[in-house]
Protein backbone atom coordinates (compact mmCIF):
# COMPACT_ATOMS: atom_id res chain seq x y z
CA MET A 1 -19.13 24.42 -53.90
CA ARG A 2 -15.95 25.34 -50.74
CA LEU A 3 -17.43 24.52 -47.43
CA HIS A 4 -14.87 27.20 -44.73
CA SER A 5 -14.86 25.56 -40.72
CA LEU A 6 -16.27 29.69 -38.69
CA LEU A 7 -16.58 30.51 -35.89
CA LYS A 8 -20.46 30.61 -35.39
CA SER A 9 -20.92 30.59 -31.34
CA LYS A 10 -18.82 31.90 -28.30
CA LEU A 11 -19.11 31.37 -24.70
CA HIS A 12 -16.24 33.76 -22.99
CA HIS A 13 -15.22 32.96 -19.66
CA ALA A 14 -17.64 30.64 -18.33
CA ARG A 15 -17.12 29.15 -15.01
CA ILE A 16 -16.72 25.66 -14.23
CA THR A 17 -19.72 24.47 -12.12
CA TYR A 18 -18.87 21.69 -11.46
CA ALA A 19 -16.68 18.44 -12.21
CA ASN A 20 -18.07 15.01 -12.84
CA PRO A 21 -15.80 11.89 -13.86
CA ASP A 22 -18.59 9.29 -13.12
CA TYR A 23 -20.76 10.78 -15.90
CA ILE A 24 -19.77 8.89 -20.07
CA GLY A 25 -18.82 12.22 -21.48
CA SER A 26 -20.03 15.98 -22.57
CA ILE A 27 -20.21 19.41 -21.22
CA GLU A 28 -23.97 20.89 -19.41
CA ILE A 29 -24.60 24.16 -20.38
CA ASP A 30 -26.99 26.62 -18.88
CA ALA A 31 -30.01 25.68 -21.89
CA ASP A 32 -30.94 29.92 -21.63
CA ILE A 33 -27.10 30.72 -22.34
CA MET A 34 -26.76 27.74 -24.84
CA ARG A 35 -30.30 29.44 -26.79
CA GLU A 36 -28.77 33.35 -26.92
CA ALA A 37 -25.61 31.54 -28.13
CA GLY A 38 -27.02 29.94 -30.75
CA ILE A 39 -25.48 25.95 -29.93
CA LEU A 40 -27.51 23.47 -29.99
CA ASP A 41 -28.09 19.71 -27.80
CA GLY A 42 -25.02 17.06 -29.08
CA GLU A 43 -23.49 20.03 -31.33
CA LEU A 44 -19.95 19.96 -30.56
CA VAL A 45 -17.94 22.18 -28.55
CA HIS A 46 -14.76 23.57 -28.34
CA VAL A 47 -13.71 23.67 -25.04
CA TRP A 48 -10.36 26.71 -23.97
CA ALA A 49 -9.07 26.87 -20.38
CA VAL A 50 -8.57 30.40 -19.90
CA ASP A 51 -6.02 30.45 -16.61
CA HIS A 52 -4.21 26.93 -17.47
CA THR A 53 -3.20 24.61 -21.04
CA ALA A 54 -6.45 22.36 -21.23
CA ARG A 55 -7.92 22.25 -24.38
CA ILE A 56 -10.90 19.77 -25.56
CA GLN A 57 -13.77 19.04 -27.82
CA THR A 58 -17.01 17.56 -26.80
CA TYR A 59 -20.61 17.51 -27.08
CA ALA A 60 -22.75 20.36 -25.23
CA PHE A 61 -26.69 19.77 -23.54
CA SER A 62 -29.01 22.02 -22.09
CA GLY A 63 -28.52 22.48 -18.34
CA PRO A 64 -30.30 24.18 -15.15
CA LYS A 65 -29.64 27.92 -14.66
CA GLY A 66 -25.79 29.27 -13.96
CA VAL A 67 -24.78 25.46 -14.52
CA VAL A 68 -21.68 24.73 -16.98
CA GLY A 69 -20.20 21.09 -15.49
CA MET A 70 -17.28 18.38 -16.28
CA ASN A 71 -18.52 15.28 -17.30
CA GLY A 72 -16.83 12.18 -17.66
CA GLY A 73 -12.73 12.45 -18.31
CA ALA A 74 -13.23 15.44 -20.01
CA ALA A 75 -13.82 16.25 -15.36
CA PHE A 76 -9.91 15.06 -15.50
CA HIS A 77 -8.30 18.53 -16.91
CA PHE A 78 -10.37 21.32 -15.12
CA GLU A 79 -12.37 21.88 -11.80
CA LYS A 80 -14.70 23.45 -10.35
CA GLY A 81 -14.24 27.17 -10.66
CA ASP A 82 -11.72 27.21 -14.21
CA ARG A 83 -12.20 30.05 -16.67
CA LEU A 84 -13.63 28.72 -20.13
CA ILE A 85 -13.93 28.90 -23.34
CA ILE A 86 -16.68 27.86 -25.42
CA ALA A 87 -16.67 28.39 -28.95
CA ALA A 88 -19.21 26.30 -31.86
CA PHE A 89 -18.58 25.99 -35.74
CA THR A 90 -20.11 25.68 -38.73
CA LEU A 91 -19.45 25.02 -42.04
CA THR A 92 -20.58 27.23 -44.55
CA ASP A 93 -20.31 28.16 -47.82
CA GLU A 94 -22.03 31.81 -46.29
CA GLN A 95 -20.41 34.69 -44.39
CA VAL A 96 -21.19 33.75 -40.65
CA THR A 97 -21.66 36.75 -38.01
CA PRO A 98 -20.82 35.11 -35.15
CA ARG A 99 -22.74 35.07 -31.20
CA ILE A 100 -20.32 36.28 -28.57
CA LEU A 101 -21.58 36.45 -25.06
CA LEU A 102 -19.33 37.60 -22.19
CA LEU A 103 -19.77 35.72 -19.45
CA GLY A 104 -20.39 36.68 -15.52
CA ASP A 105 -18.89 34.87 -12.72
CA ASN A 106 -22.57 32.98 -12.16
CA ASN A 107 -22.48 32.12 -15.65
CA GLU A 108 -24.80 35.08 -16.17
CA ILE A 109 -24.86 36.80 -19.69
CA VAL A 110 -23.27 40.03 -19.21
CA ARG A 111 -22.16 41.29 -22.48
CA ASP A 112 -23.04 40.19 -25.69
CA LEU A 113 -19.63 40.99 -27.39
CA SER A 114 -20.93 39.45 -31.15
CA PRO A 115 -19.57 42.28 -33.93
CA HIS A 116 -22.94 43.74 -34.77
CA ASN A 117 -23.13 44.97 -30.98
CA VAL A 118 -18.85 45.85 -30.62
CA LEU A 119 -18.80 47.79 -34.41
CA GLY A 120 -22.21 49.82 -33.82
């Protein structure tokens, strides 16, 4: 069996609501958005800035409605208001249809960009 690392979840244009370097690491994401995207508490995520060059990997944990917060050392690379792409991958030997969600300025789901919705 050969495993491939395939995109399973993507949050496009998430907006940082706070950056707290005094917390011990990770990214806090609205629990409802995590559920919709299929991202689990403690899951490894890639975080890419849209408006500058910062790129990190950390783990996600669920938080209150509308929140996307950078914690620990990652908070030094991002600022409140920055737009992000947050991506999670899975190791699998099967085809994956990723869940891709476009978020608005208040981290609300604006549109489902998943391939089954875009192509259908």
